[in-house]
């Protein structure tokens, strides 16, 4: 192992001295109130949007099922993301808002805990699984539904302090 890697790995707390992934020890940290908000969108054809809005999807309540799936996913994040800590979640809220101009839906998840580590991954997971469930529930109507722009909107609490997403946080877009 090189000296450069050893000094770099000291700054990356998910790596041990050999450069292997490890779960961070958060036991010395005091529990604090932490909250994260994530968002994303699901775009579809106007006809699909109209059918989902009217409740005429073949699988039933698309939005209710997607909202519930997002809540359940937040609670299971540590089982899905290898180095996430299991956390006692005090609040998980998933909102799915119709956006006719997309056409489609905006998904927003708010997750709150009092713990030693943050809930960003839980909020992001809630949005991702809600979006995937929306796709699953509506795919009989349309296969080209597009899940877009899942991102962290904000977070509070913890050593790194507050974060709020701004347009200039992203690098310039490149063509595929």
N, C-alpha and C. Protein backbone atom coordinates (compact mmCIF):
# COMPACT_ATOMS: atom_id res chain seq x y z
N UNK A 1 0.85 -1.17 0.00
CA UNK A 1 0.00 0.00 0.00
C UNK A 1 0.89 1.23 0.00
N UNK A 2 0.51 2.22 -0.77
CA UNK A 2 1.34 3.41 -0.88
C UNK A 2 1.03 4.40 0.24
N UNK A 3 1.98 5.27 0.52
CA UNK A 3 1.80 6.30 1.54
C UNK A 3 0.63 7.23 1.16
N UNK A 4 0.51 7.55 -0.14
CA UNK A 4 -0.57 8.43 -0.59
C UNK A 4 -1.93 7.82 -0.29
N UNK A 5 -2.09 6.51 -0.53
CA UNK A 5 -3.37 5.86 -0.26
C UNK A 5 -3.66 5.86 1.23
N UNK A 6 -2.64 5.59 2.05
CA UNK A 6 -2.85 5.56 3.50
C UNK A 6 -3.34 6.90 4.01
N UNK A 7 -2.73 7.99 3.57
CA UNK A 7 -3.17 9.30 4.07
C UNK A 7 -4.53 9.68 3.49
N UNK A 8 -4.80 9.29 2.25
CA UNK A 8 -6.11 9.58 1.66
C UNK A 8 -7.20 8.79 2.37
N UNK A 9 -6.94 7.52 2.72
CA UNK A 9 -7.97 6.69 3.34
C UNK A 9 -8.31 7.17 4.73
N UNK A 10 -7.42 7.89 5.40
CA UNK A 10 -7.75 8.45 6.71
C UNK A 10 -8.86 9.48 6.62
N UNK A 11 -9.00 10.11 5.46
CA UNK A 11 -10.04 11.11 5.27
C UNK A 11 -11.35 10.50 4.76
N UNK A 12 -11.33 9.26 4.37
CA UNK A 12 -12.52 8.57 3.87
C UNK A 12 -12.95 7.57 4.94
N UNK A 13 -13.92 7.94 5.75
CA UNK A 13 -14.25 7.10 6.89
C UNK A 13 -15.00 5.81 6.54
N UNK A 14 -15.34 5.60 5.29
CA UNK A 14 -15.93 4.33 4.88
C UNK A 14 -14.87 3.33 4.41
N UNK A 15 -13.59 3.70 4.51
CA UNK A 15 -12.50 2.80 4.13
C UNK A 15 -11.63 2.51 5.35
N UNK A 16 -11.22 1.24 5.49
CA UNK A 16 -10.28 0.92 6.57
C UNK A 16 -8.86 1.18 6.09
N UNK A 17 -7.87 0.84 6.93
CA UNK A 17 -6.47 1.13 6.59
C UNK A 17 -5.99 0.35 5.37
N UNK A 18 -6.72 -0.69 4.96
CA UNK A 18 -6.36 -1.45 3.76
C UNK A 18 -7.15 -1.01 2.53
N UNK A 19 -7.99 -0.01 2.71
CA UNK A 19 -8.78 0.48 1.59
C UNK A 19 -10.05 -0.30 1.35
N UNK A 20 -10.45 -1.14 2.31
CA UNK A 20 -11.67 -1.93 2.15
C UNK A 20 -12.85 -1.18 2.76
N UNK A 21 -14.01 -1.33 2.13
CA UNK A 21 -15.21 -0.68 2.63
C UNK A 21 -15.56 -1.19 4.01
N UNK A 22 -15.98 -0.28 4.86
CA UNK A 22 -16.41 -0.65 6.21
C UNK A 22 -17.56 0.24 6.64
N UNK A 23 -18.34 -0.24 7.60
CA UNK A 23 -19.38 0.58 8.19
C UNK A 23 -18.73 1.52 9.19
N UNK A 24 -19.05 2.78 9.12
CA UNK A 24 -18.47 3.78 10.01
C UNK A 24 -18.97 3.57 11.43
N UNK A 25 -18.07 3.70 12.40
CA UNK A 25 -18.45 3.60 13.80
C UNK A 25 -19.00 4.95 14.24
N UNK A 26 -20.31 5.02 14.48
CA UNK A 26 -20.93 6.27 14.91
C UNK A 26 -21.21 6.28 16.41
N UNK A 27 -20.75 5.25 17.12
CA UNK A 27 -21.05 5.15 18.55
C UNK A 27 -20.53 6.32 19.38
N UNK A 28 -19.41 6.95 19.03
CA UNK A 28 -18.97 8.10 19.84
C UNK A 28 -19.83 9.36 19.65
N UNK A 29 -20.65 9.39 18.61
CA UNK A 29 -21.45 10.58 18.32
C UNK A 29 -22.69 10.64 19.21
N UNK A 30 -23.09 11.84 19.56
CA UNK A 30 -24.32 12.03 20.32
C UNK A 30 -25.50 12.05 19.35
N UNK A 31 -26.61 11.43 19.73
CA UNK A 31 -27.80 11.51 18.87
C UNK A 31 -28.29 12.95 18.77
N UNK A 32 -28.59 13.38 17.56
CA UNK A 32 -29.18 14.70 17.34
C UNK A 32 -30.35 14.55 16.38
N UNK A 33 -31.18 15.55 16.34
CA UNK A 33 -32.32 15.52 15.42
C UNK A 33 -31.79 15.83 14.02
N UNK A 34 -32.13 14.96 13.10
CA UNK A 34 -31.67 15.08 11.71
C UNK A 34 -32.87 14.90 10.78
N UNK A 35 -32.86 15.66 9.72
CA UNK A 35 -33.93 15.56 8.73
C UNK A 35 -33.34 15.69 7.34
N UNK A 36 -33.90 14.95 6.41
CA UNK A 36 -33.50 15.05 5.01
C UNK A 36 -34.75 15.07 4.14
N UNK A 37 -34.65 15.83 3.06
CA UNK A 37 -35.72 15.90 2.07
C UNK A 37 -35.11 15.57 0.72
N UNK A 38 -35.75 14.66 -0.01
CA UNK A 38 -35.30 14.29 -1.35
C UNK A 38 -36.47 14.46 -2.30
N UNK A 39 -36.16 14.57 -3.59
CA UNK A 39 -37.21 14.75 -4.60
C UNK A 39 -36.82 14.04 -5.89
N UNK A 40 -37.80 13.85 -6.72
CA UNK A 40 -37.60 13.27 -8.04
C UNK A 40 -38.88 13.43 -8.84
N UNK A 41 -38.83 13.06 -10.10
CA UNK A 41 -40.03 13.17 -10.92
C UNK A 41 -40.20 11.94 -11.80
N UNK A 42 -41.44 11.74 -12.22
CA UNK A 42 -41.80 10.63 -13.11
C UNK A 42 -42.59 11.25 -14.25
N UNK A 43 -42.08 11.08 -15.47
CA UNK A 43 -42.69 11.68 -16.66
C UNK A 43 -43.37 10.57 -17.48
N UNK A 44 -44.54 10.91 -18.05
CA UNK A 44 -45.31 9.94 -18.84
C UNK A 44 -46.09 10.65 -19.93
N UNK A 45 -46.68 9.88 -20.79
CA UNK A 45 -47.53 10.45 -21.84
C UNK A 45 -48.78 11.07 -21.23
N UNK A 46 -49.33 12.09 -21.88
CA UNK A 46 -50.55 12.72 -21.35
C UNK A 46 -51.70 11.72 -21.12
N UNK A 47 -51.82 10.74 -22.01
CA UNK A 47 -52.89 9.75 -21.87
C UNK A 47 -52.69 8.90 -20.61
N UNK A 48 -51.46 8.52 -20.34
CA UNK A 48 -51.15 7.73 -19.15
C UNK A 48 -51.43 8.56 -17.91
N UNK A 49 -50.97 9.80 -17.91
CA UNK A 49 -51.19 10.71 -16.80
C UNK A 49 -52.69 10.84 -16.51
N UNK A 50 -53.49 11.01 -17.55
CA UNK A 50 -54.94 11.16 -17.38
C UNK A 50 -55.55 9.92 -16.75
N UNK A 51 -55.10 8.74 -17.18
CA UNK A 51 -55.66 7.50 -16.63
C UNK A 51 -55.24 7.31 -15.17
N UNK A 52 -54.00 7.59 -14.85
CA UNK A 52 -53.54 7.47 -13.46
C UNK A 52 -54.32 8.45 -12.59
N UNK A 53 -54.46 9.68 -13.06
CA UNK A 53 -55.18 10.71 -12.30
C UNK A 53 -56.64 10.32 -12.05
N UNK A 54 -57.25 9.68 -13.04
CA UNK A 54 -58.67 9.31 -12.90
C UNK A 54 -58.86 8.02 -12.11
N UNK A 55 -57.77 7.34 -11.79
CA UNK A 55 -57.88 6.08 -11.04
C UNK A 55 -58.19 4.89 -11.91
N UNK A 56 -57.97 5.02 -13.24
CA UNK A 56 -58.31 3.94 -14.17
C UNK A 56 -57.12 3.08 -14.58
N UNK A 57 -56.12 2.95 -13.74
CA UNK A 57 -54.98 2.09 -14.07
C UNK A 57 -55.35 0.64 -13.79
N UNK A 58 -54.87 -0.29 -14.62
CA UNK A 58 -55.22 -1.70 -14.46
C UNK A 58 -54.87 -2.29 -13.09
N UNK A 59 -53.80 -1.81 -12.46
CA UNK A 59 -53.38 -2.38 -11.17
C UNK A 59 -54.01 -1.70 -9.97
N UNK A 60 -54.84 -0.68 -10.19
CA UNK A 60 -55.52 -0.05 -9.06
C UNK A 60 -54.92 1.28 -8.65
N UNK A 61 -54.83 1.52 -7.35
CA UNK A 61 -54.42 2.80 -6.77
C UNK A 61 -52.91 3.02 -6.94
N UNK A 62 -52.52 3.58 -8.06
CA UNK A 62 -51.11 3.80 -8.40
C UNK A 62 -50.43 4.70 -7.37
N UNK A 63 -51.02 5.84 -7.09
CA UNK A 63 -50.37 6.84 -6.24
C UNK A 63 -50.32 6.41 -4.78
N UNK A 64 -51.39 5.84 -4.29
CA UNK A 64 -51.41 5.36 -2.90
C UNK A 64 -50.40 4.24 -2.68
N UNK A 65 -50.32 3.34 -3.64
CA UNK A 65 -49.37 2.23 -3.53
C UNK A 65 -47.94 2.74 -3.60
N UNK A 66 -47.67 3.69 -4.51
CA UNK A 66 -46.32 4.24 -4.63
C UNK A 66 -45.92 5.00 -3.36
N UNK A 67 -46.84 5.75 -2.79
CA UNK A 67 -46.56 6.49 -1.55
C UNK A 67 -46.22 5.52 -0.41
N UNK A 68 -47.01 4.49 -0.26
CA UNK A 68 -46.77 3.49 0.78
C UNK A 68 -45.44 2.76 0.55
N UNK A 69 -45.13 2.43 -0.69
CA UNK A 69 -43.86 1.78 -1.02
C UNK A 69 -42.68 2.66 -0.64
N UNK A 70 -42.79 3.97 -0.88
CA UNK A 70 -41.72 4.89 -0.51
C UNK A 70 -41.49 4.92 0.99
N UNK A 71 -42.58 4.94 1.76
CA UNK A 71 -42.46 4.92 3.23
C UNK A 71 -41.81 3.63 3.69
N UNK A 72 -42.26 2.52 3.16
CA UNK A 72 -41.68 1.22 3.54
C UNK A 72 -40.21 1.13 3.16
N UNK A 73 -39.84 1.67 2.01
CA UNK A 73 -38.46 1.62 1.55
C UNK A 73 -37.53 2.41 2.46
N UNK A 74 -37.98 3.58 2.91
CA UNK A 74 -37.16 4.38 3.83
C UNK A 74 -36.82 3.56 5.06
N UNK A 75 -37.79 2.80 5.55
CA UNK A 75 -37.59 1.99 6.75
C UNK A 75 -36.66 0.80 6.51
N UNK A 76 -36.44 0.44 5.26
CA UNK A 76 -35.60 -0.71 4.91
C UNK A 76 -34.27 -0.33 4.27
N UNK A 77 -33.91 0.93 4.29
CA UNK A 77 -32.72 1.40 3.58
C UNK A 77 -31.46 0.64 3.97
N UNK A 78 -31.26 0.38 5.25
CA UNK A 78 -30.03 -0.30 5.67
C UNK A 78 -29.96 -1.73 5.13
N UNK A 79 -31.09 -2.31 4.76
CA UNK A 79 -31.09 -3.65 4.16
C UNK A 79 -30.76 -3.58 2.67
N UNK A 80 -30.89 -2.40 2.07
CA UNK A 80 -30.67 -2.24 0.64
C UNK A 80 -29.32 -1.63 0.29
N UNK A 81 -28.84 -0.70 1.10
CA UNK A 81 -27.58 0.01 0.86
C UNK A 81 -26.56 -0.55 1.84
N UNK A 82 -25.52 -1.21 1.37
CA UNK A 82 -24.64 -2.00 2.25
C UNK A 82 -24.06 -1.31 3.47
N UNK A 83 -23.65 -0.06 3.42
CA UNK A 83 -22.98 0.55 4.56
C UNK A 83 -23.86 1.50 5.37
N UNK A 84 -25.16 1.51 5.09
CA UNK A 84 -26.07 2.36 5.86
C UNK A 84 -26.37 1.74 7.21
N UNK A 85 -26.50 2.60 8.21
CA UNK A 85 -26.85 2.16 9.55
C UNK A 85 -28.36 1.99 9.66
N UNK A 86 -28.83 0.99 10.39
CA UNK A 86 -30.27 0.92 10.67
C UNK A 86 -30.62 2.06 11.63
N UNK A 87 -31.65 2.81 11.31
CA UNK A 87 -31.99 3.99 12.10
C UNK A 87 -33.43 3.94 12.59
N UNK A 88 -33.67 4.49 13.77
CA UNK A 88 -35.05 4.63 14.25
C UNK A 88 -35.67 5.86 13.59
N UNK A 89 -36.56 5.67 12.67
CA UNK A 89 -37.15 6.80 11.97
C UNK A 89 -38.39 7.29 12.72
N UNK A 90 -38.40 8.57 13.03
CA UNK A 90 -39.55 9.15 13.72
C UNK A 90 -40.58 9.70 12.74
N UNK A 91 -40.15 10.00 11.51
CA UNK A 91 -41.08 10.54 10.52
C UNK A 91 -40.64 10.11 9.13
N UNK A 92 -41.58 9.62 8.35
CA UNK A 92 -41.37 9.41 6.92
C UNK A 92 -42.64 9.89 6.23
N UNK A 93 -42.48 10.87 5.39
CA UNK A 93 -43.61 11.40 4.64
C UNK A 93 -43.25 11.39 3.16
N UNK A 94 -44.12 10.82 2.35
CA UNK A 94 -43.91 10.81 0.89
C UNK A 94 -45.11 11.50 0.25
N UNK A 95 -44.82 12.52 -0.51
CA UNK A 95 -45.86 13.27 -1.23
C UNK A 95 -45.67 13.04 -2.73
N UNK A 96 -46.76 12.74 -3.40
CA UNK A 96 -46.74 12.57 -4.85
C UNK A 96 -47.72 13.59 -5.42
N UNK A 97 -47.18 14.55 -6.14
CA UNK A 97 -47.96 15.69 -6.63
C UNK A 97 -48.10 15.64 -8.14
N UNK A 98 -49.32 15.71 -8.66
CA UNK A 98 -49.50 15.72 -10.11
C UNK A 98 -48.93 17.00 -10.72
N UNK A 99 -48.25 16.84 -11.84
CA UNK A 99 -47.68 17.97 -12.59
C UNK A 99 -48.10 17.83 -14.04
N UNK A 100 -49.26 18.38 -14.41
CA UNK A 100 -49.77 18.22 -15.78
C UNK A 100 -48.80 18.72 -16.85
N UNK A 101 -47.96 19.71 -16.54
CA UNK A 101 -47.04 20.24 -17.55
C UNK A 101 -45.92 19.26 -17.88
N UNK A 102 -45.62 18.28 -17.02
CA UNK A 102 -44.57 17.30 -17.36
C UNK A 102 -44.97 16.49 -18.60
N UNK A 103 -46.02 15.83 -18.72
CA UNK A 103 -46.96 15.41 -17.68
C UNK A 103 -46.37 14.29 -16.82
N UNK A 104 -46.79 14.27 -15.56
CA UNK A 104 -46.32 13.25 -14.65
C UNK A 104 -46.47 13.68 -13.21
N UNK A 105 -45.53 13.24 -12.37
CA UNK A 105 -45.63 13.47 -10.93
C UNK A 105 -44.29 13.89 -10.34
N UNK A 106 -44.37 14.77 -9.35
CA UNK A 106 -43.22 15.12 -8.53
C UNK A 106 -43.34 14.30 -7.25
N UNK A 107 -42.25 13.69 -6.84
CA UNK A 107 -42.23 12.91 -5.60
C UNK A 107 -41.29 13.60 -4.64
N UNK A 108 -41.73 13.74 -3.39
CA UNK A 108 -40.92 14.40 -2.37
C UNK A 108 -41.03 13.57 -1.09
N UNK A 109 -39.88 13.24 -0.50
CA UNK A 109 -39.86 12.47 0.74
C UNK A 109 -39.14 13.27 1.81
N UNK A 110 -39.73 13.28 3.00
CA UNK A 110 -39.13 13.90 4.17
C UNK A 110 -38.95 12.82 5.22
N UNK A 111 -37.71 12.69 5.71
CA UNK A 111 -37.41 11.67 6.71
C UNK A 111 -36.73 12.35 7.89
N UNK A 112 -37.14 11.96 9.10
CA UNK A 112 -36.61 12.58 10.32
C UNK A 112 -36.27 11.51 11.34
N UNK A 113 -35.18 11.75 12.08
CA UNK A 113 -34.77 10.83 13.14
C UNK A 113 -34.05 11.61 14.23
N UNK A 114 -33.86 10.96 15.35
CA UNK A 114 -32.94 11.43 16.38
C UNK A 114 -31.92 10.31 16.52
N UNK A 115 -30.75 10.52 15.92
CA UNK A 115 -29.76 9.44 15.85
C UNK A 115 -28.36 10.02 15.69
N UNK A 116 -27.39 9.12 15.58
CA UNK A 116 -25.98 9.49 15.47
C UNK A 116 -25.55 9.76 14.03
N UNK A 117 -26.39 9.45 13.09
CA UNK A 117 -26.05 9.66 11.68
C UNK A 117 -27.29 10.09 10.92
N UNK A 118 -27.09 10.63 9.72
CA UNK A 118 -28.16 11.27 8.97
C UNK A 118 -29.08 10.33 8.21
N UNK A 119 -30.11 10.92 7.62
CA UNK A 119 -31.16 10.16 6.94
C UNK A 119 -31.26 10.52 5.45
N UNK A 120 -30.16 11.01 4.87
CA UNK A 120 -30.20 11.35 3.44
C UNK A 120 -30.52 10.13 2.59
N UNK A 121 -29.88 9.01 2.89
CA UNK A 121 -30.10 7.81 2.07
C UNK A 121 -31.52 7.30 2.21
N UNK A 122 -32.11 7.45 3.39
CA UNK A 122 -33.49 7.02 3.58
C UNK A 122 -34.45 7.87 2.75
N UNK A 123 -34.21 9.18 2.70
CA UNK A 123 -35.07 10.05 1.89
C UNK A 123 -34.91 9.75 0.40
N UNK A 124 -33.67 9.58 -0.04
CA UNK A 124 -33.42 9.26 -1.45
C UNK A 124 -34.01 7.91 -1.83
N UNK A 125 -33.89 6.93 -0.95
CA UNK A 125 -34.44 5.60 -1.20
C UNK A 125 -35.96 5.66 -1.27
N UNK A 126 -36.58 6.45 -0.41
CA UNK A 126 -38.04 6.59 -0.44
C UNK A 126 -38.50 7.12 -1.79
N UNK A 127 -37.82 8.14 -2.30
CA UNK A 127 -38.20 8.72 -3.61
C UNK A 127 -37.98 7.70 -4.72
N UNK A 128 -36.83 7.03 -4.70
CA UNK A 128 -36.51 6.07 -5.77
C UNK A 128 -37.53 4.93 -5.81
N UNK A 129 -37.86 4.37 -4.67
CA UNK A 129 -38.79 3.24 -4.65
C UNK A 129 -40.22 3.69 -4.94
N UNK A 130 -40.60 4.88 -4.50
CA UNK A 130 -41.93 5.39 -4.87
C UNK A 130 -42.01 5.56 -6.39
N UNK A 131 -40.94 6.09 -7.00
CA UNK A 131 -40.92 6.26 -8.46
C UNK A 131 -40.96 4.91 -9.17
N UNK A 132 -40.19 3.96 -8.70
CA UNK A 132 -40.20 2.62 -9.30
C UNK A 132 -41.56 1.96 -9.17
N UNK A 133 -42.21 2.15 -8.04
CA UNK A 133 -43.53 1.57 -7.83
C UNK A 133 -44.56 2.23 -8.73
N UNK A 134 -44.45 3.55 -8.89
CA UNK A 134 -45.35 4.24 -9.80
C UNK A 134 -45.19 3.66 -11.21
N UNK A 135 -43.93 3.46 -11.62
CA UNK A 135 -43.68 2.84 -12.93
C UNK A 135 -44.34 1.45 -12.99
N UNK A 136 -44.09 0.64 -11.99
CA UNK A 136 -44.63 -0.73 -11.98
C UNK A 136 -46.15 -0.73 -12.06
N UNK A 137 -46.78 0.15 -11.32
CA UNK A 137 -48.23 0.20 -11.28
C UNK A 137 -48.85 0.72 -12.59
N UNK A 138 -48.07 1.50 -13.35
CA UNK A 138 -48.61 2.10 -14.58
C UNK A 138 -48.01 1.54 -15.86
N UNK A 139 -47.09 0.57 -15.76
CA UNK A 139 -46.40 0.08 -16.96
C UNK A 139 -47.34 -0.62 -17.94
N UNK A 140 -48.47 -1.12 -17.48
CA UNK A 140 -49.44 -1.72 -18.41
C UNK A 140 -50.02 -0.66 -19.34
N UNK A 141 -50.00 0.58 -18.90
CA UNK A 141 -50.49 1.68 -19.72
C UNK A 141 -49.41 2.24 -20.64
N UNK A 142 -48.16 2.19 -20.16
CA UNK A 142 -47.06 2.78 -20.92
C UNK A 142 -45.72 2.23 -20.43
N UNK A 143 -44.91 1.75 -21.35
CA UNK A 143 -43.58 1.25 -21.00
C UNK A 143 -42.52 2.36 -20.99
N UNK A 144 -42.80 3.49 -21.62
CA UNK A 144 -41.79 4.54 -21.77
C UNK A 144 -41.82 5.58 -20.65
N UNK A 145 -42.47 5.28 -19.54
CA UNK A 145 -42.47 6.18 -18.38
C UNK A 145 -41.01 6.40 -17.98
N UNK A 146 -40.69 7.65 -17.65
CA UNK A 146 -39.30 8.00 -17.36
C UNK A 146 -39.15 8.54 -15.94
N UNK A 147 -38.27 7.92 -15.17
CA UNK A 147 -37.93 8.39 -13.84
C UNK A 147 -36.78 9.36 -13.98
N UNK A 148 -36.92 10.57 -13.40
CA UNK A 148 -35.92 11.62 -13.61
C UNK A 148 -35.47 12.26 -12.31
N UNK A 149 -34.25 12.73 -12.32
CA UNK A 149 -33.70 13.69 -11.36
C UNK A 149 -34.03 13.41 -9.90
N UNK A 150 -33.57 12.29 -9.39
CA UNK A 150 -33.70 12.04 -7.95
C UNK A 150 -32.51 12.70 -7.27
N UNK A 151 -32.80 13.56 -6.29
CA UNK A 151 -31.71 14.32 -5.67
C UNK A 151 -32.07 14.72 -4.24
N UNK A 152 -31.04 15.06 -3.46
CA UNK A 152 -31.22 15.55 -2.11
C UNK A 152 -31.57 17.03 -2.17
N UNK A 153 -32.71 17.40 -1.61
CA UNK A 153 -33.16 18.78 -1.60
C UNK A 153 -32.51 19.53 -0.43
N UNK A 154 -32.53 18.89 0.74
CA UNK A 154 -31.95 19.54 1.92
C UNK A 154 -31.70 18.51 3.01
N UNK A 155 -30.85 18.92 3.95
CA UNK A 155 -30.63 18.12 5.14
C UNK A 155 -30.25 19.05 6.28
N UNK A 156 -30.65 18.65 7.48
CA UNK A 156 -30.29 19.41 8.67
C UNK A 156 -29.76 18.44 9.72
N UNK A 157 -28.96 18.98 10.64
CA UNK A 157 -28.41 18.19 11.74
C UNK A 157 -27.09 17.55 11.39
N UNK A 158 -26.39 17.15 12.41
CA UNK A 158 -25.13 16.45 12.22
C UNK A 158 -23.94 17.37 12.10
N UNK A 159 -22.77 16.74 12.07
CA UNK A 159 -21.49 17.46 12.05
C UNK A 159 -21.33 18.33 10.80
N UNK A 160 -21.82 17.85 9.66
CA UNK A 160 -21.63 18.61 8.42
C UNK A 160 -22.61 19.77 8.28
N UNK A 161 -23.55 19.89 9.21
CA UNK A 161 -24.45 21.04 9.22
C UNK A 161 -25.57 20.96 8.20
N UNK A 162 -26.02 22.11 7.77
CA UNK A 162 -27.16 22.19 6.87
C UNK A 162 -26.72 22.17 5.41
N UNK A 163 -27.58 21.62 4.58
CA UNK A 163 -27.35 21.59 3.14
C UNK A 163 -28.67 21.91 2.47
N UNK A 164 -28.61 22.71 1.42
CA UNK A 164 -29.78 23.02 0.63
C UNK A 164 -29.38 23.01 -0.84
N UNK A 165 -30.08 22.23 -1.65
CA UNK A 165 -29.77 22.10 -3.07
C UNK A 165 -30.01 23.43 -3.77
N UNK A 166 -29.09 23.75 -4.66
CA UNK A 166 -29.25 24.92 -5.52
C UNK A 166 -28.84 24.53 -6.92
N UNK A 167 -29.40 25.18 -7.91
CA UNK A 167 -29.13 24.85 -9.31
C UNK A 167 -27.63 24.80 -9.62
N UNK A 168 -26.84 25.68 -9.00
CA UNK A 168 -25.40 25.72 -9.30
C UNK A 168 -24.62 24.62 -8.57
N UNK A 169 -25.29 23.74 -7.83
CA UNK A 169 -24.62 22.60 -7.20
C UNK A 169 -24.21 21.54 -8.23
N UNK A 170 -24.87 21.55 -9.38
CA UNK A 170 -24.65 20.50 -10.37
C UNK A 170 -23.58 20.92 -11.38
N UNK A 171 -22.78 19.93 -11.82
CA UNK A 171 -21.83 20.23 -12.90
C UNK A 171 -22.60 20.48 -14.20
N UNK A 172 -21.96 21.12 -15.13
CA UNK A 172 -22.60 21.40 -16.42
C UNK A 172 -23.01 20.09 -17.08
N UNK A 173 -24.16 20.08 -17.71
CA UNK A 173 -24.68 18.88 -18.36
C UNK A 173 -23.83 18.56 -19.60
N UNK A 174 -23.68 17.27 -19.83
CA UNK A 174 -23.00 16.81 -21.04
C UNK A 174 -23.93 15.95 -21.86
N UNK A 175 -23.72 15.91 -23.13
CA UNK A 175 -24.57 15.08 -24.00
C UNK A 175 -24.23 13.62 -23.84
N UNK A 176 -25.25 12.76 -23.89
CA UNK A 176 -25.00 11.30 -23.77
C UNK A 176 -24.25 10.76 -24.96
